Amino acid sequence: MAVAEATLKRKAATLATTDLVATEDDDQEEDLPYNLIDKLQDSGINAADLKKLKDAGFNTSQSVVFAMRKDLLSIKGLSDQKVDKIIEAARKSSEVGFVTCTQLVSKMKSRFQIATGAGKLDQMLGGGMESCSITEIFGEFRCGKTQLCHSLAVMAQLPSNMGGANGKVVYMDTEGTFRPDRIRQIAEAKGVSAEAAMDNIIYARVYTSEHLEQLLVEAASLMVKDEDRFALVIVDSIMGGFRVDYSGRGELSERQQKLARVLNKLQKVSEDNCIRQTCSSCCTLAMSLALRQCFAANCPINWRSTGMQLEFLQTSHGSQAVC
């Protein structure tokens, strides 16, 4: 174990004076398997309408195909005829129809996992947080949710042989708990450049649930325009704005609909960036008390997956707690 840790430290030390996110060959142009929305101009869509689409967060042909028609009609200046023409052009330029299982397996090979930094947890998750998906981890107050967010923000930037994804991170903070000093400490503990680690985290403070929706649109645009790949999107926490903006049973239905809409946008951002081979693992982060004890005591934890949620069950010293 000591030899393995020493080897890992030596590998990490080589990154201390270089950028964490880098391409293998800067001179080689990447063959992107997606179509920018600007290419629809070749199909007869005028530049003014394309600008309206980009301002609304539609930056690729796939994002147009994934959208509801009513969402496109809600964009000011786009009529029924224009929307129909845009959708038809986007569908012709995108491969989003049926595929064989063999083709699906080939596409899924581009997915990856980001290690959490806790060996036992990574083992239970099959290697870490899975890309092209939403991972929700939930738990009590002060149980370590934000700590894991900070750890993942650094781990995602590391090379794949160190459990990372060699990509940038989008961090949306709804409760004001993000601490750059903690990022510096984690980066230094991993033996990498703290300045490079912080430069690769794109941070935004979120104040309301509507503000979160707007930032998701900006994040989608940023991932397309930025030359570097993005590996992780963190929202800490997803319920921060919704708890304040909606209160009581009378607004429960509206809150759940808005929450579902935000989660749907997160999923589309994740899958759209998987198509770009810059897979985003969109994490709606909350965590159970058992996880902090896993980090501290390396205790045995069983887990089960329920949809997009992970429930952790601690079994230690003869006691059992379901979180």
C-alpha atoms as a PDB file:
ATOM      1  CA  MET A   1       0.000   0.000   0.000  1.00  0.00           C
ATOM      2  CA  ALA A   2       2.825   2.386   0.890  1.00  0.00           C
ATOM      3  CA  VAL A   3       4.549   1.661  -2.427  1.00  0.00           C
ATOM      4  CA  ALA A   4       1.335   2.354  -4.342  1.00  0.00           C
ATOM      5  CA  GLU A   5       0.823   5.648  -2.520  1.00  0.00           C
ATOM      6  CA  ALA A   6       4.427   6.676  -3.216  1.00  0.00           C
ATOM      7  CA  THR A   7       3.970   5.901  -6.916  1.00  0.00           C
ATOM      8  CA  LEU A   8       0.778   7.964  -6.990  1.00  0.00           C
ATOM      9  CA  LYS A   9       2.557  10.882  -5.344  1.00  0.00           C
ATOM     10  CA  ARG A  10       5.358  10.763  -7.921  1.00  0.00           C
ATOM     11  CA  LYS A  11       2.832  10.808 -10.765  1.00  0.00           C
ATOM     12  CA  ALA A  12       0.997  13.709  -9.166  1.00  0.00           C
ATOM     13  CA  ALA A  13       4.227  15.641  -8.639  1.00  0.00           C
ATOM     14  CA  THR A  14       4.792  15.789 -12.382  1.00  0.00           C
ATOM     15  CA  LEU A  15       1.586  17.835 -12.678  1.00  0.00           C
ATOM     16  CA  ALA A  16       2.606  20.450 -10.105  1.00  0.00           C
ATOM     17  CA  THR A  17       4.242  22.783 -12.612  1.00  0.00           C
ATOM     18  CA  THR A  18       1.895  22.215 -15.538  1.00  0.00           C
ATOM     19  CA  ASP A  19      -1.749  22.777 -16.316  1.00  0.00           C
ATOM     20  CA  LEU A  20      -4.007  19.949 -15.223  1.00  0.00           C
ATOM     21  CA  VAL A  21      -6.248  20.183 -18.273  1.00  0.00           C
ATOM     22  CA  ALA A  22      -4.374  19.717 -21.525  1.00  0.00           C
ATOM     23  CA  THR A  23      -4.862  18.003 -24.835  1.00  0.00           C
ATOM     24  CA  GLU A  24      -2.548  15.302 -26.100  1.00  0.00           C
ATOM     25  CA  ASP A  25      -1.827  17.157 -29.309  1.00  0.00           C
ATOM     26  CA  ASP A  26      -2.624  20.864 -29.391  1.00  0.00           C
ATOM     27  CA  ASP A  27      -1.809  21.089 -33.079  1.00  0.00           C
ATOM     28  CA  GLN A  28      -4.267  18.373 -34.069  1.00  0.00           C
ATOM     29  CA  GLU A  29      -7.786  19.619 -34.649  1.00  0.00           C
ATOM     30  CA  GLU A  30     -10.393  17.613 -32.768  1.00  0.00           C
ATOM     31  CA  ASP A  31     -13.034  15.878 -34.868  1.00  0.00           C
ATOM     32  CA  LEU A  32     -16.114  16.724 -32.850  1.00  0.00           C
ATOM     33  CA  PRO A  33     -19.023  14.264 -33.195  1.00  0.00           C
ATOM     34  CA  TYR A  34     -21.642  17.004 -32.789  1.00  0.00           C
ATOM     35  CA  ASN A  35     -22.810  19.949 -34.856  1.00  0.00           C
ATOM     36  CA  LEU A  36     -22.644  23.527 -33.686  1.00  0.00           C
ATOM     37  CA  ILE A  37     -25.851  25.464 -34.171  1.00  0.00           C
ATOM     38  CA  ASP A  38     -24.003  27.818 -36.556  1.00  0.00           C
ATOM     39  CA  LYS A  39     -23.805  25.035 -39.147  1.00  0.00           C
ATOM     40  CA  LEU A  40     -27.580  25.213 -39.604  1.00  0.00           C
ATOM     41  CA  GLN A  41     -26.911  28.348 -41.629  1.00  0.00           C
ATOM     42  CA  ASP A  42     -25.909  25.991 -44.464  1.00  0.00           C
ATOM     43  CA  SER A  43     -29.488  24.649 -44.356  1.00  0.00           C
ATOM     44  CA  GLY A  44     -31.027  28.070 -44.898  1.00  0.00           C
ATOM     45  CA  ILE A  45     -31.419  29.259 -41.289  1.00  0.00           C
ATOM     46  CA  ASN A  46     -30.458  32.929 -41.076  1.00  0.00           C
ATOM     47  CA  ALA A  47     -27.781  34.167 -38.683  1.00  0.00           C
ATOM     48  CA  ALA A  48     -30.178  36.355 -36.679  1.00  0.00           C
ATOM     49  CA  ASP A  49     -32.363  33.368 -35.768  1.00  0.00           C
ATOM     50  CA  LEU A  50     -29.296  31.307 -34.860  1.00  0.00           C
ATOM     51  CA  LYS A  51     -28.154  34.074 -32.513  1.00  0.00           C
ATOM     52  CA  LYS A  52     -31.550  33.986 -30.797  1.00  0.00           C
ATOM     53  CA  LEU A  53     -31.182  30.234 -30.331  1.00  0.00           C
ATOM     54  CA  LYS A  54     -27.706  30.603 -28.836  1.00  0.00           C
ATOM     55  CA  ASP A  55     -28.878  33.348 -26.493  1.00  0.00           C
ATOM     56  CA  ALA A  56     -31.566  30.936 -25.278  1.00  0.00           C
ATOM     57  CA  GLY A  57     -28.989  28.215 -24.608  1.00  0.00           C
ATOM     58  CA  PHE A  58     -29.283  26.139 -27.791  1.00  0.00           C
ATOM     59  CA  ASN A  59     -25.691  25.812 -28.972  1.00  0.00           C
ATOM     60  CA  THR A  60     -25.777  22.495 -30.856  1.00  0.00           C
ATOM     61  CA  SER A  61     -28.120  20.822 -33.300  1.00  0.00           C
ATOM     62  CA  GLN A  62     -28.677  18.065 -30.744  1.00  0.00           C
ATOM     63  CA  SER A  63     -29.919  20.557 -28.149  1.00  0.00           C
ATOM     64  CA  VAL A  64     -32.565  21.743 -30.620  1.00  0.00           C
ATOM     65  CA  VAL A  65     -33.698  18.186 -31.326  1.00  0.00           C
ATOM     66  CA  PHE A  66     -33.890  17.429 -27.592  1.00  0.00           C
ATOM     67  CA  ALA A  67     -36.016  20.527 -26.893  1.00  0.00           C
ATOM     68  CA  MET A  68     -39.790  20.754 -26.761  1.00  0.00           C
ATOM     69  CA  ARG A  69     -41.367  22.686 -29.614  1.00  0.00           C
ATOM     70  CA  LYS A  70     -43.102  25.017 -27.162  1.00  0.00           C
ATOM     71  CA  ASP A  71     -39.723  25.937 -25.658  1.00  0.00           C
ATOM     72  CA  LEU A  72     -38.473  26.996 -29.073  1.00  0.00           C
ATOM     73  CA  LEU A  73     -41.673  28.948 -29.724  1.00  0.00           C
ATOM     74  CA  SER A  74     -41.155  30.820 -26.445  1.00  0.00           C
ATOM     75  CA  ILE A  75     -38.010  32.419 -27.905  1.00  0.00           C
ATOM     76  CA  LYS A  76     -38.895  35.950 -28.940  1.00  0.00           C
ATOM     77  CA  GLY A  77     -38.786  36.438 -32.700  1.00  0.00           C
ATOM     78  CA  LEU A  78     -39.242  32.791 -33.751  1.00  0.00           C
ATOM     79  CA  SER A  79     -42.534  32.065 -35.503  1.00  0.00           C
ATOM     80  CA  ASP A  80     -44.171  28.676 -36.077  1.00  0.00           C
ATOM     81  CA  GLN A  81     -42.750  28.463 -39.585  1.00  0.00           C
ATOM     82  CA  LYS A  82     -39.232  29.344 -38.443  1.00  0.00           C
ATOM     83  CA  VAL A  83     -39.322  26.813 -35.594  1.00  0.00           C
ATOM     84  CA  ASP A  84     -40.501  24.039 -37.923  1.00  0.00           C
ATOM     85  CA  LYS A  85     -37.705  24.848 -40.362  1.00  0.00           C
ATOM     86  CA  ILE A  86     -35.094  24.927 -37.582  1.00  0.00           C
ATOM     87  CA  ILE A  87     -36.246  21.588 -36.140  1.00  0.00           C
ATOM     88  CA  GLU A  88     -36.203  19.938 -39.567  1.00  0.00           C
ATOM     89  CA  ALA A  89     -32.697  21.228 -40.291  1.00  0.00           C
ATOM     90  CA  ALA A  90     -31.432  20.143 -36.863  1.00  0.00           C
ATOM     91  CA  ARG A  91     -32.830  16.627 -37.239  1.00  0.00           C
ATOM     92  CA  LYS A  92     -31.201  16.188 -40.634  1.00  0.00           C
ATOM     93  CA  SER A  93     -27.804  17.229 -39.275  1.00  0.00           C
ATOM     94  CA  SER A  94     -27.983  15.121 -36.089  1.00  0.00           C
ATOM     95  CA  GLU A  95     -27.800  11.388 -35.548  1.00  0.00           C
ATOM     96  CA  VAL A  96     -30.249  11.001 -32.681  1.00  0.00           C
ATOM     97  CA  GLY A  97     -32.509   8.239 -33.968  1.00  0.00           C
ATOM     98  CA  PHE A  98     -32.451   4.485 -33.510  1.00  0.00           C
ATOM     99  CA  VAL A  99     -29.123   2.679 -33.226  1.00  0.00           C
ATOM    100  CA  THR A 100     -28.146  -0.956 -32.834  1.00  0.00           C
ATOM    101  CA  CYS A 101     -26.948  -2.291 -29.496  1.00  0.00           C
ATOM    102  CA  THR A 102     -23.477  -2.630 -30.991  1.00  0.00           C
ATOM    103  CA  GLN A 103     -23.457   1.066 -31.877  1.00  0.00           C
ATOM    104  CA  LEU A 104     -24.742   1.923 -28.404  1.00  0.00           C
ATOM    105  CA  VAL A 105     -21.913  -0.022 -26.774  1.00  0.00           C
ATOM    106  CA  SER A 106     -19.436   1.885 -28.932  1.00  0.00           C
ATOM    107  CA  LYS A 107     -20.909   5.219 -27.822  1.00  0.00           C
ATOM    108  CA  MET A 108     -20.867   4.216 -24.162  1.00  0.00           C
ATOM    109  CA  LYS A 109     -17.134   3.520 -24.321  1.00  0.00           C
ATOM    110  CA  SER A 110     -16.551   7.275 -24.170  1.00  0.00           C
ATOM    111  CA  ARG A 111     -18.071   7.403 -20.688  1.00  0.00           C
ATOM    112  CA  PHE A 112     -15.860   7.530 -17.635  1.00  0.00           C
ATOM    113  CA  GLN A 113     -15.973   7.631 -13.855  1.00  0.00           C
ATOM    114  CA  ILE A 114     -14.529  10.173 -11.446  1.00  0.00           C
ATOM    115  CA  ALA A 115     -13.076   8.815  -8.224  1.00  0.00           C
ATOM    116  CA  THR A 116     -14.336  10.355  -4.985  1.00  0.00           C
ATOM    117  CA  GLY A 117     -11.055   9.927  -3.136  1.00  0.00           C
ATOM    118  CA  ALA A 118     -12.503   7.314  -0.761  1.00  0.00           C
ATOM    119  CA  GLY A 119     -11.455   3.828  -1.832  1.00  0.00           C
ATOM    120  CA  LYS A 120     -14.362   1.977  -0.212  1.00  0.00           C
ATOM    121  CA  LEU A 121     -16.938   4.317  -1.721  1.00  0.00           C
ATOM    122  CA  ASP A 122     -15.347   4.119  -5.177  1.00  0.00           C
ATOM    123  CA  GLN A 123     -15.434   0.336  -4.912  1.00  0.00           C
ATOM    124  CA  MET A 124     -19.159   0.372  -4.120  1.00  0.00           C
ATOM    125  CA  LEU A 125     -19.847   2.769  -6.988  1.00  0.00           C
ATOM    126  CA  GLY A 126     -17.875   0.647  -9.425  1.00  0.00           C
ATOM    127  CA  GLY A 127     -15.068   3.183  -9.783  1.00  0.00           C
ATOM    128  CA  GLY A 128     -16.658   6.511  -8.851  1.00  0.00           C
ATOM    129  CA  MET A 129     -19.228   9.003 -10.126  1.00  0.00           C
ATOM    130  CA  GLU A 130     -20.491   7.972 -13.559  1.00  0.00           C
ATOM    131  CA  SER A 131     -20.476  10.444 -16.430  1.00  0.00           C
ATOM    132  CA  CYS A 132     -23.469  11.351 -18.613  1.00  0.00           C
ATOM    133  CA  SER A 133     -25.769  11.072 -15.625  1.00  0.00           C
ATOM    134  CA  ILE A 134     -27.103  12.878 -12.570  1.00  0.00           C
ATOM    135  CA  THR A 135     -25.887  11.600  -9.219  1.00  0.00           C
ATOM    136  CA  GLU A 136     -27.797  12.675  -6.121  1.00  0.00           C
ATOM    137  CA  ILE A 137     -26.234  12.097  -2.731  1.00  0.00           C
ATOM    138  CA  PHE A 138     -28.259  13.214   0.231  1.00  0.00           C
ATOM    139  CA  GLY A 139     -27.982  13.421   3.997  1.00  0.00           C
ATOM    140  CA  GLU A 140     -28.131  15.409   7.193  1.00  0.00           C
ATOM    141  CA  PHE A 141     -26.740  18.862   7.915  1.00  0.00           C
ATOM    142  CA  ARG A 142     -22.937  18.975   8.353  1.00  0.00           C
ATOM    143  CA  CYS A 143     -22.418  15.370   7.266  1.00  0.00           C
ATOM    144  CA  GLY A 144     -19.795  16.150   4.600  1.00  0.00           C
ATOM    145  CA  LYS A 145     -21.745  16.945   1.420  1.00  0.00           C
ATOM    146  CA  THR A 146     -19.794  20.088   0.551  1.00  0.00           C
ATOM    147  CA  GLN A 147     -16.523  18.405   1.482  1.00  0.00           C
ATOM    148  CA  LEU A 148     -17.152  15.779  -1.194  1.00  0.00           C
ATOM    149  CA  CYS A 149     -18.044  18.543  -3.676  1.00  0.00           C
ATOM    150  CA  HIS A 150     -14.663  20.172  -3.102  1.00  0.00           C
ATOM    151  CA  SER A 151     -12.860  16.848  -3.374  1.00  0.00           C
ATOM    152  CA  LEU A 152     -14.603  15.947  -6.647  1.00  0.00           C
ATOM    153  CA  ALA A 153     -13.825  19.399  -8.065  1.00  0.00           C
ATOM    154  CA  VAL A 154     -10.119  18.571  -7.774  1.00  0.00           C
ATOM    155  CA  MET A 155     -10.329  14.858  -8.616  1.00  0.00           C
ATOM    156  CA  ALA A 156     -12.121  15.575 -11.915  1.00  0.00           C
ATOM    157  CA  GLN A 157      -9.082  17.517 -13.149  1.00  0.00           C
ATOM    158  CA  LEU A 158      -6.588  14.704 -12.582  1.00  0.00           C
ATOM    159  CA  PRO A 159      -5.521  12.276 -15.341  1.00  0.00           C
ATOM    160  CA  SER A 160      -7.539   9.101 -15.781  1.00  0.00           C
ATOM    161  CA  ASN A 161      -4.759   6.963 -14.299  1.00  0.00           C
ATOM    162  CA  MET A 162      -5.226   8.888 -11.043  1.00  0.00           C
ATOM    163  CA  GLY A 163      -9.008   8.494 -10.974  1.00  0.00           C
ATOM    164  CA  GLY A 164      -9.797  11.789 -12.687  1.00  0.00           C
ATOM    165  CA  ALA A 165     -11.214  12.861 -16.042  1.00  0.00           C
ATOM    166  CA  ASN A 166      -8.675  15.496 -17.160  1.00  0.00           C
ATOM    167  CA  GLY A 167     -11.345  18.174 -17.460  1.00  0.00           C
ATOM    168  CA  LYS A 168     -12.596  21.455 -16.079  1.00  0.00           C
ATOM    169  CA  VAL A 169     -15.361  21.803 -13.500  1.00  0.00           C
ATOM    170  CA  VAL A 170     -18.479  23.971 -13.284  1.00  0.00           C
ATOM    171  CA  TYR A 171     -19.381  24.668  -9.648  1.00  0.00           C
ATOM    172  CA  MET A 172     -22.756  26.261  -8.838  1.00  0.00           C
ATOM    173  CA  ASP A 173     -23.082  27.217  -5.179  1.00  0.00           C
ATOM    174  CA  THR A 174     -26.595  27.865  -3.842  1.00  0.00           C
ATOM    175  CA  GLU A 175     -25.688  28.220  -0.154  1.00  0.00           C
ATOM    176  CA  GLY A 176     -22.424  30.162  -0.178  1.00  0.00           C
ATOM    177  CA  THR A 177     -20.365  27.274   1.191  1.00  0.00           C
ATOM    178  CA  PHE A 178     -17.660  27.109  -1.497  1.00  0.00           C
ATOM    179  CA  ARG A 179     -14.168  27.719  -0.096  1.00  0.00           C
ATOM    180  CA  PRO A 180     -11.206  28.280  -2.473  1.00  0.00           C
ATOM    181  CA  ASP A 181      -8.802  27.685   0.417  1.00  0.00           C
ATOM    182  CA  ARG A 182     -10.176  24.158   0.737  1.00  0.00           C
ATOM    183  CA  ILE A 183      -9.561  23.577  -2.974  1.00  0.00           C
ATOM    184  CA  ARG A 184      -5.969  24.690  -2.442  1.00  0.00           C
ATOM    185  CA  GLN A 185      -5.528  22.273   0.469  1.00  0.00           C
ATOM    186  CA  ILE A 186      -6.944  19.314  -1.465  1.00  0.00           C
ATOM    187  CA  ALA A 187      -4.844  20.109  -4.548  1.00  0.00           C
ATOM    188  CA  GLU A 188      -1.668  20.353  -2.489  1.00  0.00           C
ATOM    189  CA  ALA A 189      -2.525  17.071  -0.772  1.00  0.00           C
ATOM    190  CA  LYS A 190      -2.777  15.464  -4.220  1.00  0.00           C
ATOM    191  CA  GLY A 191       0.571  16.970  -5.185  1.00  0.00           C
ATOM    192  CA  VAL A 192      -0.748  19.174  -8.003  1.00  0.00           C
ATOM    193  CA  SER A 193      -0.605  22.901  -8.677  1.00  0.00           C
ATOM    194  CA  ALA A 194      -3.164  24.664  -6.496  1.00  0.00           C
ATOM    195  CA  GLU A 195      -3.298  27.661  -8.843  1.00  0.00           C
ATOM    196  CA  ALA A 196      -3.979  25.443 -11.859  1.00  0.00           C
ATOM    197  CA  ALA A 197      -6.667  23.550  -9.938  1.00  0.00           C
ATOM    198  CA  MET A 198      -8.477  26.775  -9.020  1.00  0.00           C
ATOM    199  CA  ASP A 199      -8.164  28.179 -12.560  1.00  0.00           C
ATOM    200  CA  ASN A 200      -9.922  25.079 -13.889  1.00  0.00           C
ATOM    201  CA  ILE A 201     -12.992  25.557 -11.666  1.00  0.00           C
ATOM    202  CA  ILE A 202     -15.658  27.862 -13.119  1.00  0.00           C
ATOM    203  CA  TYR A 203     -17.636  29.125 -10.118  1.00  0.00           C
ATOM    204  CA  ALA A 204     -21.011  30.855  -9.845  1.00  0.00           C
ATOM    205  CA  ARG A 205     -22.986  31.879  -6.771  1.00  0.00           C
ATOM    206  CA  VAL A 206     -26.672  30.992  -7.180  1.00  0.00           C
ATOM    207  CA  TYR A 207     -29.315  33.067  -5.385  1.00  0.00           C
ATOM    208  CA  THR A 208     -32.680  31.754  -6.619  1.00  0.00           C
ATOM    209  CA  SER A 209     -34.088  28.752  -8.451  1.00  0.00           C
ATOM    210  CA  GLU A 210     -34.674  30.928 -11.524  1.00  0.00           C
ATOM    211  CA  HIS A 211     -31.081  32.129 -11.340  1.00  0.00           C
ATOM    212  CA  LEU A 212     -30.004  28.469 -11.359  1.00  0.00           C
ATOM    213  CA  GLU A 213     -31.923  27.885 -14.599  1.00  0.00           C
ATOM    214  CA  GLN A 214     -30.232  30.889 -16.194  1.00  0.00           C
ATOM    215  CA  LEU A 215     -26.794  29.684 -15.123  1.00  0.00           C
ATOM    216  CA  LEU A 216     -27.453  26.256 -16.627  1.00  0.00           C
ATOM    217  CA  VAL A 217     -28.052  27.963 -19.969  1.00  0.00           C
ATOM    218  CA  GLU A 218     -24.782  29.881 -19.583  1.00  0.00           C
ATOM    219  CA  ALA A 219     -22.946  26.694 -18.580  1.00  0.00           C
ATOM    220  CA  ALA A 220     -24.141  24.874 -21.697  1.00  0.00           C
ATOM    221  CA  SER A 221     -22.911  27.751 -23.854  1.00  0.00           C
ATOM    222  CA  LEU A 222     -19.580  27.864 -22.026  1.00  0.00           C
ATOM    223  CA  MET A 223     -18.925  24.163 -22.576  1.00  0.00           C
ATOM    224  CA  VAL A 224     -19.316  24.587 -26.321  1.00  0.00           C
ATOM    225  CA  LYS A 225     -17.254  27.769 -26.642  1.00  0.00           C
ATOM    226  CA  ASP A 226     -14.376  26.819 -24.325  1.00  0.00           C
ATOM    227  CA  GLU A 227     -11.473  25.052 -26.023  1.00  0.00           C
ATOM    228  CA  ASP A 228     -10.868  22.802 -22.997  1.00  0.00           C
ATOM    229  CA  ARG A 229     -13.088  19.880 -22.088  1.00  0.00           C
ATOM    230  CA  PHE A 230     -15.404  19.908 -19.082  1.00  0.00           C
ATOM    231  CA  ALA A 231     -15.700  16.826 -16.908  1.00  0.00           C
ATOM    232  CA  LEU A 232     -18.006  17.741 -14.040  1.00  0.00           C
ATOM    233  CA  VAL A 233     -20.913  19.995 -13.111  1.00  0.00           C
ATOM    234  CA  ILE A 234     -21.601  20.420  -9.394  1.00  0.00           C
ATOM    235  CA  VAL A 235     -24.731  21.965  -7.884  1.00  0.00           C
ATOM    236  CA  ASP A 236     -24.396  22.341  -4.118  1.00  0.00           C
ATOM    237  CA  SER A 237     -27.129  22.038  -3.213  1.00  0.00           C
ATOM    238  CA  ILE A 238     -29.947  21.554  -5.681  1.00  0.00           C
ATOM    239  CA  MET A 239     -32.672  22.344  -3.134  1.00  0.00           C
ATOM    240  CA  GLY A 240     -31.025  25.495  -1.777  1.00  0.00           C
ATOM    241  CA  GLY A 241     -33.067  27.952  -3.842  1.00  0.00           C
ATOM    242  CA  PHE A 242     -36.252  25.902  -4.035  1.00  0.00           C
ATOM    243  CA  ARG A 243     -36.612  25.743  -0.241  1.00  0.00           C
ATOM    244  CA  VAL A 244     -36.710  29.547  -0.077  1.00  0.00           C
ATOM    245  CA  ASP A 245     -38.602  30.343  -3.284  1.00  0.00           C
ATOM    246  CA  TYR A 246     -41.491  27.947  -2.602  1.00  0.00           C
ATOM    247  CA  SER A 247     -43.077  27.331   0.782  1.00  0.00           C
ATOM    248  CA  GLY A 248     -46.078  25.430   2.074  1.00  0.00           C
ATOM    249  CA  ARG A 249     -48.255  22.776   0.502  1.00  0.00           C
ATOM    250  CA  GLY A 250     -49.926  25.317  -1.750  1.00  0.00           C
ATOM    251  CA  GLU A 251     -46.712  25.788  -3.760  1.00  0.00           C
ATOM    252  CA  LEU A 252     -45.493  22.196  -3.541  1.00  0.00           C
ATOM    253  CA  SER A 253     -46.795  21.200  -6.974  1.00  0.00           C
ATOM    254  CA  GLU A 254     -45.219  24.213  -8.685  1.00  0.00           C
ATOM    255  CA  ARG A 255     -41.936  23.615  -6.856  1.00  0.00           C
ATOM    256  CA  GLN A 256     -41.768  19.991  -7.965  1.00  0.00           C
ATOM    257  CA  GLN A 257     -42.468  20.947 -11.572  1.00  0.00           C
ATOM    258  CA  LYS A 258     -39.714  23.578 -11.535  1.00  0.00           C
ATOM    259  CA  LEU A 259     -37.315  21.141  -9.866  1.00  0.00           C
ATOM    260  CA  ALA A 260     -38.070  18.501 -12.492  1.00  0.00           C
ATOM    261  CA  ARG A 261     -37.403  21.085 -15.196  1.00  0.00           C
ATOM    262  CA  VAL A 262     -34.003  21.964 -13.722  1.00  0.00           C
ATOM    263  CA  LEU A 263     -33.064  18.292 -13.417  1.00  0.00           C
ATOM    264  CA  ASN A 264     -34.112  17.747 -17.015  1.00  0.00           C
ATOM    265  CA  LYS A 265     -31.855  20.612 -18.116  1.00  0.00           C
ATOM    266  CA  LEU A 266     -28.984  19.125 -16.134  1.00  0.00           C
ATOM    267  CA  GLN A 267     -29.501  15.765 -17.814  1.00  0.00           C
ATOM    268  CA  LYS A 268     -29.596  17.339 -21.278  1.00  0.00           C
ATOM    269  CA  VAL A 269     -26.406  19.296 -20.593  1.00  0.00           C
ATOM    270  CA  SER A 270     -24.767  16.077 -19.438  1.00  0.00           C
ATOM    271  CA  GLU A 271     -25.854  13.966 -22.406  1.00  0.00           C
ATOM    272  CA  ASP A 272     -25.196  16.719 -24.936  1.00  0.00           C
ATOM    273  CA  ASN A 273     -21.640  17.010 -23.672  1.00  0.00           C
ATOM    274  CA  CYS A 274     -21.242  13.238 -23.743  1.00  0.00           C
ATOM    275  CA  ILE A 275     -22.029  13.480 -27.455  1.00  0.00           C
ATOM    276  CA  ARG A 276     -19.192  16.006 -27.657  1.00  0.00           C
ATOM    277  CA  GLN A 277     -16.874  13.515 -25.928  1.00  0.00           C
ATOM    278  CA  THR A 278     -16.466  16.036 -23.134  1.00  0.00           C
ATOM    279  CA  CYS A 279     -18.711  14.059 -20.843  1.00  0.00           C
ATOM    280  CA  SER A 280     -20.218  15.997 -17.981  1.00  0.00           C
ATOM    281  CA  SER A 281     -21.151  14.144 -14.861  1.00  0.00           C
ATOM    282  CA  CYS A 282     -23.833  16.402 -13.486  1.00  0.00           C
ATOM    283  CA  CYS A 283     -23.908  15.904  -9.750  1.00  0.00           C
ATOM    284  CA  THR A 284     -26.804  17.048  -7.612  1.00  0.00           C
ATOM    285  CA  LEU A 285     -24.869  16.714  -4.419  1.00  0.00           C
ATOM    286  CA  ALA A 286     -26.122  15.844  -0.982  1.00  0.00           C
ATOM    287  CA  MET A 287     -24.792  13.135   1.243  1.00  0.00           C
ATOM    288  CA  SER A 288     -25.537  10.798   4.120  1.00  0.00           C
ATOM    289  CA  LEU A 289     -23.878  10.766   7.526  1.00  0.00           C
ATOM    290  CA  ALA A 290     -22.495   7.300   6.842  1.00  0.00           C
ATOM    291  CA  LEU A 291     -20.276   8.663   4.088  1.00  0.00           C
ATOM    292  CA  ARG A 292     -18.273  10.934   6.386  1.00  0.00           C
ATOM    293  CA  GLN A 293     -17.669   7.967   8.669  1.00  0.00           C
ATOM    294  CA  CYS A 294     -16.508   5.993   5.628  1.00  0.00           C
ATOM    295  CA  PHE A 295     -13.871   8.645   4.952  1.00  0.00           C
ATOM    296  CA  ALA A 296     -12.788   8.802   8.596  1.00  0.00           C
ATOM    297  CA  ALA A 297     -12.941   5.202   9.764  1.00  0.00           C
ATOM    298  CA  ASN A 298     -12.968   3.254   6.482  1.00  0.00           C
ATOM    299  CA  CYS A 299     -15.939   1.347   7.888  1.00  0.00           C
ATOM    300  CA  PRO A 300     -17.914  -1.167   5.804  1.00  0.00           C
ATOM    301  CA  ILE A 301     -20.913   0.428   4.084  1.00  0.00           C
ATOM    302  CA  ASN A 302     -23.533  -1.219   1.937  1.00  0.00           C
ATOM    303  CA  TRP A 303     -25.417   0.808  -0.633  1.00  0.00           C
ATOM    304  CA  ARG A 304     -28.363   0.528  -2.936  1.00  0.00           C
ATOM    305  CA  SER A 305     -29.381   2.657  -5.879  1.00  0.00           C
ATOM    306  CA  THR A 306     -32.936   3.948  -6.223  1.00  0.00           C
ATOM    307  CA  GLY A 307     -33.284   5.704  -9.545  1.00  0.00           C
ATOM    308  CA  MET A 308     -30.998   8.735  -9.452  1.00  0.00           C
ATOM    309  CA  GLN A 309     -30.488   8.547  -5.679  1.00  0.00           C
ATOM    310  CA  LEU A 310     -27.914   6.717  -3.614  1.00  0.00           C
ATOM    311  CA  GLU A 311     -28.919   5.570  -0.160  1.00  0.00           C
ATOM    312  CA  PHE A 312     -26.108   4.618   2.184  1.00  0.00           C
ATOM    313  CA  LEU A 313     -26.571   2.095   4.985  1.00  0.00           C
ATOM    314  CA  GLN A 314     -23.918   1.975   7.665  1.00  0.00           C
ATOM    315  CA  THR A 315     -23.142  -1.291   9.435  1.00  0.00           C
ATOM    316  CA  SER A 316     -20.493  -0.759  12.061  1.00  0.00           C
ATOM    317  CA  HIS A 317     -19.980  -1.917  15.662  1.00  0.00           C
ATOM    318  CA  GLY A 318     -23.160  -3.944  15.556  1.00  0.00           C
ATOM    319  CA  SER A 319     -25.388  -0.949  14.822  1.00  0.00           C
ATOM    320  CA  GLN A 320     -27.302  -0.135  11.663  1.00  0.00           C
ATOM    321  CA  ALA A 321     -28.402   3.267  10.436  1.00  0.00           C
ATOM    322  CA  VAL A 322     -30.397   3.960   7.294  1.00  0.00           C
ATOM    323  CA  CYS A 323     -29.724   7.429   5.885  1.00  0.00           C
END
